[in-house]
Amino acid sequence: APKEIYGLILNAFKAVDSYDVVPGTNPENCG
């Protein structure tokens, strides 16, 4: 059920703040 993944989604969006660089942003990894 969506409520069962609430914590996963909340934590994923909260984790964005901890990134200083976007992963995979070079020509070899991203179109």
PDB file of all heavy atoms in Angstrom:
ATOM      1  N   ALA A   1       0.854  -1.184   0.000  1.00  0.00           N
ATOM      2  CA  ALA A   1       0.000   0.000   0.000  1.00  0.00           C
ATOM      3  C   ALA A   1       0.896   1.242   0.000  1.00  0.00           C
ATOM      4  O   ALA A   1       2.020   1.207   0.522  1.00  0.00           O
ATOM      5  CB  ALA A   1      -0.897  -0.007   1.240  1.00  0.00           C
ATOM      6  N   PRO A   2       0.428   2.353  -0.570  1.00  0.00           N
ATOM      7  CA  PRO A   2       1.238   3.567  -0.579  1.00  0.00           C
ATOM      8  C   PRO A   2       1.753   3.985   0.800  1.00  0.00           C
ATOM      9  O   PRO A   2       2.884   4.456   0.918  1.00  0.00           O
ATOM     10  CB  PRO A   2       0.279   4.611  -1.163  1.00  0.00           C
ATOM     11  CG  PRO A   2      -0.592   3.818  -2.069  1.00  0.00           C
ATOM     12  CD  PRO A   2      -0.812   2.512  -1.339  1.00  0.00           C
ATOM     13  N   LYS A   3       0.956   3.774   1.840  1.00  0.00           N
ATOM     14  CA  LYS A   3       1.413   4.129   3.190  1.00  0.00           C
ATOM     15  C   LYS A   3       2.651   3.336   3.600  1.00  0.00           C
ATOM     16  O   LYS A   3       3.458   3.806   4.400  1.00  0.00           O
ATOM     17  CB  LYS A   3       0.309   3.882   4.213  1.00  0.00           C
ATOM     18  CG  LYS A   3      -0.732   4.955   4.246  1.00  0.00           C
ATOM     19  CD  LYS A   3      -1.701   4.680   5.376  1.00  0.00           C
ATOM     20  CE  LYS A   3      -2.729   5.776   5.480  1.00  0.00           C
ATOM     21  NZ  LYS A   3      -3.651   5.557   6.587  1.00  0.00           N
ATOM     22  N   GLU A   4       2.793   2.135   3.056  1.00  0.00           N
ATOM     23  CA  GLU A   4       3.939   1.289   3.409  1.00  0.00           C
ATOM     24  C   GLU A   4       5.243   1.787   2.806  1.00  0.00           C
ATOM     25  O   GLU A   4       6.316   1.398   3.275  1.00  0.00           O
ATOM     26  CB  GLU A   4       3.683  -0.152   2.985  1.00  0.00           C
ATOM     27  CG  GLU A   4       2.559  -0.826   3.750  1.00  0.00           C
ATOM     28  CD  GLU A   4       2.319  -2.235   3.275  1.00  0.00           C
ATOM     29  OE1 GLU A   4       3.153  -3.119   3.582  1.00  0.00           O
ATOM     30  OE2 GLU A   4       1.299  -2.453   2.582  1.00  0.00           O
ATOM     31  N   ILE A   5       5.161   2.619   1.767  1.00  0.00           N
ATOM     32  CA  ILE A   5       6.391   3.160   1.188  1.00  0.00           C
ATOM     33  C   ILE A   5       6.563   4.647   1.526  1.00  0.00           C
ATOM     34  O   ILE A   5       7.499   5.277   1.053  1.00  0.00           O
ATOM     35  CB  ILE A   5       6.461   2.927  -0.335  1.00  0.00           C
ATOM     36  CG1 ILE A   5       5.395   3.712  -1.086  1.00  0.00           C
ATOM     37  CG2 ILE A   5       6.399   1.436  -0.659  1.00  0.00           C
ATOM     38  CD1 ILE A   5       5.641   3.817  -2.578  1.00  0.00           C
ATOM     39  N   TYR A   6       5.682   5.163   2.355  1.00  0.00           N
ATOM     40  CA  TYR A   6       5.744   6.569   2.765  1.00  0.00           C
ATOM     41  C   TYR A   6       7.136   6.916   3.305  1.00  0.00           C
ATOM     42  O   TYR A   6       7.738   7.910   2.901  1.00  0.00           O
ATOM     43  CB  TYR A   6       4.659   6.852   3.810  1.00  0.00           C
ATOM     44  CG  TYR A   6       4.800   8.192   4.491  1.00  0.00           C
ATOM     45  CD1 TYR A   6       4.274   9.344   3.912  1.00  0.00           C
ATOM     46  CD2 TYR A   6       5.455   8.314   5.716  1.00  0.00           C
ATOM     47  CE1 TYR A   6       4.395  10.587   4.525  1.00  0.00           C
ATOM     48  CE2 TYR A   6       5.581   9.544   6.339  1.00  0.00           C
ATOM     49  CZ  TYR A   6       5.055  10.677   5.744  1.00  0.00           C
ATOM     50  OH  TYR A   6       5.191  11.895   6.360  1.00  0.00           O
ATOM     51  N   GLY A   7       7.654   6.137   4.232  1.00  0.00           N
ATOM     52  CA  GLY A   7       8.960   6.413   4.836  1.00  0.00           C
ATOM     53  C   GLY A   7      10.077   6.406   3.809  1.00  0.00           C
ATOM     54  O   GLY A   7      10.979   7.254   3.857  1.00  0.00           O
ATOM     55  N   LEU A   8      10.022   5.465   2.880  1.00  0.00           N
ATOM     56  CA  LEU A   8      11.029   5.402   1.822  1.00  0.00           C
ATOM     57  C   LEU A   8      11.008   6.676   0.985  1.00  0.00           C
ATOM     58  O   LEU A   8      12.052   7.289   0.735  1.00  0.00           O
ATOM     59  CB  LEU A   8      10.777   4.181   0.931  1.00  0.00           C
ATOM     60  CG  LEU A   8      11.661   4.069  -0.309  1.00  0.00           C
ATOM     61  CD1 LEU A   8      13.108   3.831   0.066  1.00  0.00           C
ATOM     62  CD2 LEU A   8      11.139   2.965  -1.226  1.00  0.00           C
ATOM     63  N   ILE A   9       9.825   7.090   0.564  1.00  0.00           N
ATOM     64  CA  ILE A   9       9.714   8.274  -0.283  1.00  0.00           C
ATOM     65  C   ILE A   9      10.107   9.530   0.495  1.00  0.00           C
ATOM     66  O   ILE A   9      10.869  10.372  -0.007  1.00  0.00           O
ATOM     67  CB  ILE A   9       8.278   8.399  -0.851  1.00  0.00           C
ATOM     68  CG1 ILE A   9       7.939   7.178  -1.719  1.00  0.00           C
ATOM     69  CG2 ILE A   9       8.114   9.699  -1.634  1.00  0.00           C
ATOM     70  CD1 ILE A   9       8.904   6.903  -2.844  1.00  0.00           C
ATOM     71  N   LEU A  10       9.624   9.662   1.714  1.00  0.00           N
ATOM     72  CA  LEU A  10       9.977  10.819   2.535  1.00  0.00           C
ATOM     73  C   LEU A  10      11.492  10.901   2.714  1.00  0.00           C
ATOM     74  O   LEU A  10      12.101  11.957   2.504  1.00  0.00           O
ATOM     75  CB  LEU A  10       9.281  10.742   3.893  1.00  0.00           C
ATOM     76  CG  LEU A  10       9.614  11.866   4.879  1.00  0.00           C
ATOM     77  CD1 LEU A  10       9.210  13.228   4.322  1.00  0.00           C
ATOM     78  CD2 LEU A  10       8.947  11.593   6.224  1.00  0.00           C
ATOM     79  N   ASN A  11      12.119   9.795   3.075  1.00  0.00           N
ATOM     80  CA  ASN A  11      13.566   9.793   3.303  1.00  0.00           C
ATOM     81  C   ASN A  11      14.340  10.070   2.017  1.00  0.00           C
ATOM     82  O   ASN A  11      15.384  10.729   2.047  1.00  0.00           O
ATOM     83  CB  ASN A  11      14.009   8.470   3.920  1.00  0.00           C
ATOM     84  CG  ASN A  11      13.516   8.328   5.346  1.00  0.00           C
ATOM     85  OD1 ASN A  11      13.239   9.316   6.025  1.00  0.00           O
ATOM     86  ND2 ASN A  11      13.381   7.096   5.805  1.00  0.00           N
ATOM     87  N   ALA A  12      13.846   9.571   0.888  1.00  0.00           N
ATOM     88  CA  ALA A  12      14.521   9.818  -0.396  1.00  0.00           C
ATOM     89  C   ALA A  12      14.515  11.309  -0.719  1.00  0.00           C
ATOM     90  O   ALA A  12      15.551  11.870  -1.113  1.00  0.00           O
ATOM     91  CB  ALA A  12      13.840   9.029  -1.510  1.00  0.00           C
ATOM     92  N   PHE A  13      13.373  11.958  -0.542  1.00  0.00           N
ATOM     93  CA  PHE A  13      13.296  13.382  -0.837  1.00  0.00           C
ATOM     94  C   PHE A  13      14.079  14.208   0.181  1.00  0.00           C
ATOM     95  O   PHE A  13      14.695  15.216  -0.185  1.00  0.00           O
ATOM     96  CB  PHE A  13      11.840  13.839  -0.958  1.00  0.00           C
ATOM     97  CG  PHE A  13      11.274  13.594  -2.331  1.00  0.00           C
ATOM     98  CD1 PHE A  13      10.731  12.358  -2.653  1.00  0.00           C
ATOM     99  CD2 PHE A  13      11.308  14.578  -3.305  1.00  0.00           C
ATOM    100  CE1 PHE A  13      10.223  12.117  -3.926  1.00  0.00           C
ATOM    101  CE2 PHE A  13      10.812  14.344  -4.577  1.00  0.00           C
ATOM    102  CZ  PHE A  13      10.264  13.107  -4.893  1.00  0.00           C
ATOM    103  N   LYS A  14      14.096  13.790   1.436  1.00  0.00           N
ATOM    104  CA  LYS A  14      14.892  14.497   2.442  1.00  0.00           C
ATOM    105  C   LYS A  14      16.387  14.355   2.157  1.00  0.00           C
ATOM    106  O   LYS A  14      17.168  15.276   2.420  1.00  0.00           O
ATOM    107  CB  LYS A  14      14.585  13.951   3.839  1.00  0.00           C
ATOM    108  CG  LYS A  14      13.298  14.452   4.413  1.00  0.00           C
ATOM    109  CD  LYS A  14      13.098  13.843   5.791  1.00  0.00           C
ATOM    110  CE  LYS A  14      12.323  14.780   6.671  1.00  0.00           C
ATOM    111  NZ  LYS A  14      12.250  14.288   8.048  1.00  0.00           N
ATOM    112  N   ALA A  15      16.788  13.208   1.626  1.00  0.00           N
ATOM    113  CA  ALA A  15      18.208  12.952   1.355  1.00  0.00           C
ATOM    114  C   ALA A  15      18.772  13.874   0.276  1.00  0.00           C
ATOM    115  O   ALA A  15      19.988  14.096   0.223  1.00  0.00           O
ATOM    116  CB  ALA A  15      18.412  11.490   0.952  1.00  0.00           C
ATOM    117  N   VAL A  16      17.923  14.401  -0.576  1.00  0.00           N
ATOM    118  CA  VAL A  16      18.393  15.279  -1.656  1.00  0.00           C
ATOM    119  C   VAL A  16      19.223  16.429  -1.096  1.00  0.00           C
ATOM    120  O   VAL A  16      20.233  16.826  -1.688  1.00  0.00           O
ATOM    121  CB  VAL A  16      17.202  15.798  -2.502  1.00  0.00           C
ATOM    122  CG1 VAL A  16      17.654  16.853  -3.509  1.00  0.00           C
ATOM    123  CG2 VAL A  16      16.507  14.630  -3.207  1.00  0.00           C
ATOM    124  N   ASP A  17      18.847  16.941   0.062  1.00  0.00           N
ATOM    125  CA  ASP A  17      19.559  18.063   0.665  1.00  0.00           C
ATOM    126  C   ASP A  17      21.014  17.740   0.989  1.00  0.00           C
ATOM    127  O   ASP A  17      21.852  18.634   1.043  1.00  0.00           O
ATOM    128  CB  ASP A  17      18.831  18.547   1.925  1.00  0.00           C
ATOM    129  CG  ASP A  17      19.383  19.865   2.425  1.00  0.00           C
ATOM    130  OD1 ASP A  17      19.424  20.821   1.621  1.00  0.00           O
ATOM    131  OD2 ASP A  17      19.794  19.929   3.599  1.00  0.00           O
ATOM    132  N   SER A  18      21.326  16.465   1.185  1.00  0.00           N
ATOM    133  CA  SER A  18      22.693  16.088   1.567  1.00  0.00           C
ATOM    134  C   SER A  18      23.644  15.959   0.370  1.00  0.00           C
ATOM    135  O   SER A  18      24.845  15.772   0.553  1.00  0.00           O
ATOM    136  CB  SER A  18      22.675  14.773   2.348  1.00  0.00           C
ATOM    137  OG  SER A  18      22.292  13.707   1.500  1.00  0.00           O
ATOM    138  N   TYR A  19      23.132  16.077  -0.829  1.00  0.00           N
ATOM    139  CA  TYR A  19      23.975  15.936  -2.021  1.00  0.00           C
ATOM    140  C   TYR A  19      24.612  17.273  -2.381  1.00  0.00           C
ATOM    141  O   TYR A  19      23.952  18.297  -2.464  1.00  0.00           O
ATOM    142  CB  TYR A  19      23.152  15.430  -3.210  1.00  0.00           C
ATOM    143  CG  TYR A  19      22.874  13.947  -3.150  1.00  0.00           C
ATOM    144  CD1 TYR A  19      21.880  13.438  -2.325  1.00  0.00           C
ATOM    145  CD2 TYR A  19      23.614  13.048  -3.914  1.00  0.00           C
ATOM    146  CE1 TYR A  19      21.629  12.076  -2.253  1.00  0.00           C
ATOM    147  CE2 TYR A  19      23.365  11.692  -3.854  1.00  0.00           C
ATOM    148  CZ  TYR A  19      22.373  11.212  -3.018  1.00  0.00           C
ATOM    149  OH  TYR A  19      22.124   9.862  -2.952  1.00  0.00           O
ATOM    150  N   ASP A  20      25.927  17.222  -2.602  1.00  0.00           N
ATOM    151  CA  ASP A  20      26.661  18.397  -3.057  1.00  0.00           C
ATOM    152  C   ASP A  20      26.879  18.365  -4.563  1.00  0.00           C
ATOM    153  O   ASP A  20      27.197  19.387  -5.177  1.00  0.00           O
ATOM    154  CB  ASP A  20      28.022  18.483  -2.359  1.00  0.00           C
ATOM    155  CG  ASP A  20      27.874  18.687  -0.865  1.00  0.00           C
ATOM    156  OD1 ASP A  20      26.960  19.433  -0.453  1.00  0.00           O
ATOM    157  OD2 ASP A  20      28.668  18.091  -0.105  1.00  0.00           O
ATOM    158  N   VAL A  21      26.714  17.169  -5.134  1.00  0.00           N
ATOM    159  CA  VAL A  21      26.906  16.941  -6.563  1.00  0.00           C
ATOM    160  C   VAL A  21      25.814  15.984  -7.013  1.00  0.00           C
ATOM    161  O   VAL A  21      25.472  15.036  -6.291  1.00  0.00           O
ATOM    162  CB  VAL A  21      28.294  16.306  -6.833  1.00  0.00           C
ATOM    163  CG1 VAL A  21      28.475  15.938  -8.288  1.00  0.00           C
ATOM    164  CG2 VAL A  21      29.412  17.240  -6.375  1.00  0.00           C
ATOM    165  N   VAL A  22      25.279  16.198  -8.197  1.00  0.00           N
ATOM    166  CA  VAL A  22      24.296  15.281  -8.759  1.00  0.00           C
ATOM    167  C   VAL A  22      25.062  14.088  -9.329  1.00  0.00           C
ATOM    168  O   VAL A  22      25.951  14.269 -10.164  1.00  0.00           O
ATOM    169  CB  VAL A  22      23.456  15.963  -9.855  1.00  0.00           C
ATOM    170  CG1 VAL A  22      22.479  14.975 -10.473  1.00  0.00           C
ATOM    171  CG2 VAL A  22      22.725  17.174  -9.299  1.00  0.00           C
ATOM    172  N   PRO A  23      24.747  12.860  -8.891  1.00  0.00           N
ATOM    173  CA  PRO A  23      25.461  11.688  -9.395  1.00  0.00           C
ATOM    174  C   PRO A  23      25.217  11.464 -10.898  1.00  0.00           C
ATOM    175  O   PRO A  23      24.129  11.741 -11.402  1.00  0.00           O
ATOM    176  CB  PRO A  23      24.856  10.520  -8.604  1.00  0.00           C
ATOM    177  CG  PRO A  23      24.019  11.123  -7.538  1.00  0.00           C
ATOM    178  CD  PRO A  23      23.729  12.530  -7.910  1.00  0.00           C
ATOM    179  N   GLY A  24      26.226  10.973 -11.576  1.00  0.00           N
ATOM    180  CA  GLY A  24      26.088  10.579 -12.975  1.00  0.00           C
ATOM    181  C   GLY A  24      25.920  11.726 -13.938  1.00  0.00           C
ATOM    182  O   GLY A  24      25.213  11.592 -14.941  1.00  0.00           O
ATOM    183  N   THR A  25      26.583  12.851 -13.671  1.00  0.00           N
ATOM    184  CA  THR A  25      26.400  14.008 -14.553  1.00  0.00           C
ATOM    185  C   THR A  25      27.650  14.281 -15.384  1.00  0.00           C
ATOM    186  O   THR A  25      28.209  15.367 -15.369  1.00  0.00           O
ATOM    187  CB  THR A  25      26.032  15.264 -13.748  1.00  0.00           C
ATOM    188  OG1 THR A  25      27.020  15.480 -12.748  1.00  0.00           O
ATOM    189  CG2 THR A  25      24.657  15.141 -13.134  1.00  0.00           C
ATOM    190  N   ASN A  26      28.071  13.277 -16.092  1.00  0.00           N
ATOM    191  CA  ASN A  26      29.136  13.466 -17.065  1.00  0.00           C
ATOM    192  C   ASN A  26      28.685  12.829 -18.382  1.00  0.00           C
ATOM    193  O   ASN A  26      27.722  12.059 -18.399  1.00  0.00           O
ATOM    194  CB  ASN A  26      30.472  12.894 -16.547  1.00  0.00           C
ATOM    195  CG  ASN A  26      30.362  11.427 -16.212  1.00  0.00           C
ATOM    196  OD1 ASN A  26      29.916  10.633 -17.026  1.00  0.00           O
ATOM    197  ND2 ASN A  26      30.758  11.062 -15.004  1.00  0.00           N
ATOM    198  N   PRO A  27      29.328  13.150 -19.482  1.00  0.00           N
ATOM    199  CA  PRO A  27      28.854  12.676 -20.785  1.00  0.00           C
ATOM    200  C   PRO A  27      28.804  11.153 -20.915  1.00  0.00           C
ATOM    201  O   PRO A  27      27.999  10.627 -21.686  1.00  0.00           O
ATOM    202  CB  PRO A  27      29.848  13.266 -21.782  1.00  0.00           C
ATOM    203  CG  PRO A  27      30.610  14.308 -21.064  1.00  0.00           C
ATOM    204  CD  PRO A  27      30.476  14.030 -19.597  1.00  0.00           C
ATOM    205  N   GLU A  28      29.632  10.454 -20.163  1.00  0.00           N
ATOM    206  CA  GLU A  28      29.638   8.991 -20.228  1.00  0.00           C
ATOM    207  C   GLU A  28      28.427   8.377 -19.534  1.00  0.00           C
ATOM    208  O   GLU A  28      28.040   7.256 -19.851  1.00  0.00           O
ATOM    209  CB  GLU A  28      30.927   8.423 -19.594  1.00  0.00           C
ATOM    210  CG  GLU A  28      32.197   8.792 -20.320  1.00  0.00           C
ATOM    211  CD  GLU A  28      32.711  10.193 -19.991  1.00  0.00           C
ATOM    212  OE1 GLU A  28      32.334  10.754 -18.931  1.00  0.00           O
ATOM    213  OE2 GLU A  28      33.472  10.732 -20.803  1.00  0.00           O
ATOM    214  N   ASN A  29      27.838   9.083 -18.575  1.00  0.00           N
ATOM    215  CA  ASN A  29      26.758   8.528 -17.763  1.00  0.00           C
ATOM    216  C   ASN A  29      25.385   9.114 -18.024  1.00  0.00           C
ATOM    217  O   ASN A  29      24.395   8.594 -17.509  1.00  0.00           O
ATOM    218  CB  ASN A  29      27.069   8.720 -16.271  1.00  0.00           C
ATOM    219  CG  ASN A  29      28.364   8.080 -15.863  1.00  0.00           C
ATOM    220  OD1 ASN A  29      29.271   8.768 -15.434  1.00  0.00           O
ATOM    221  ND2 ASN A  29      28.479   6.777 -16.020  1.00  0.00           N
ATOM    222  N   CYS A  30      25.303  10.204 -18.776  1.00  0.00           N
ATOM    223  CA  CYS A  30      24.031  10.902 -18.906  1.00  0.00           C
ATOM    224  C   CYS A  30      23.866  11.446 -20.321  1.00  0.00           C
ATOM    225  O   CYS A  30      24.797  12.040 -20.867  1.00  0.00           O
ATOM    226  CB  CYS A  30      23.979  12.040 -17.878  1.00  0.00           C
ATOM    227  SG  CYS A  30      22.450  12.991 -17.927  1.00  0.00           S
ATOM    228  N   GLY A  31      22.675  11.293 -20.863  1.00  0.00           N
ATOM    229  CA  GLY A  31      22.395  11.748 -22.214  1.00  0.00           C
ATOM    230  C   GLY A  31      22.205  13.242 -22.349  1.00  0.00           C
ATOM    231  O   GLY A  31      22.168  13.768 -23.460  1.00  0.00           O
TER     232      GLY A  31
END
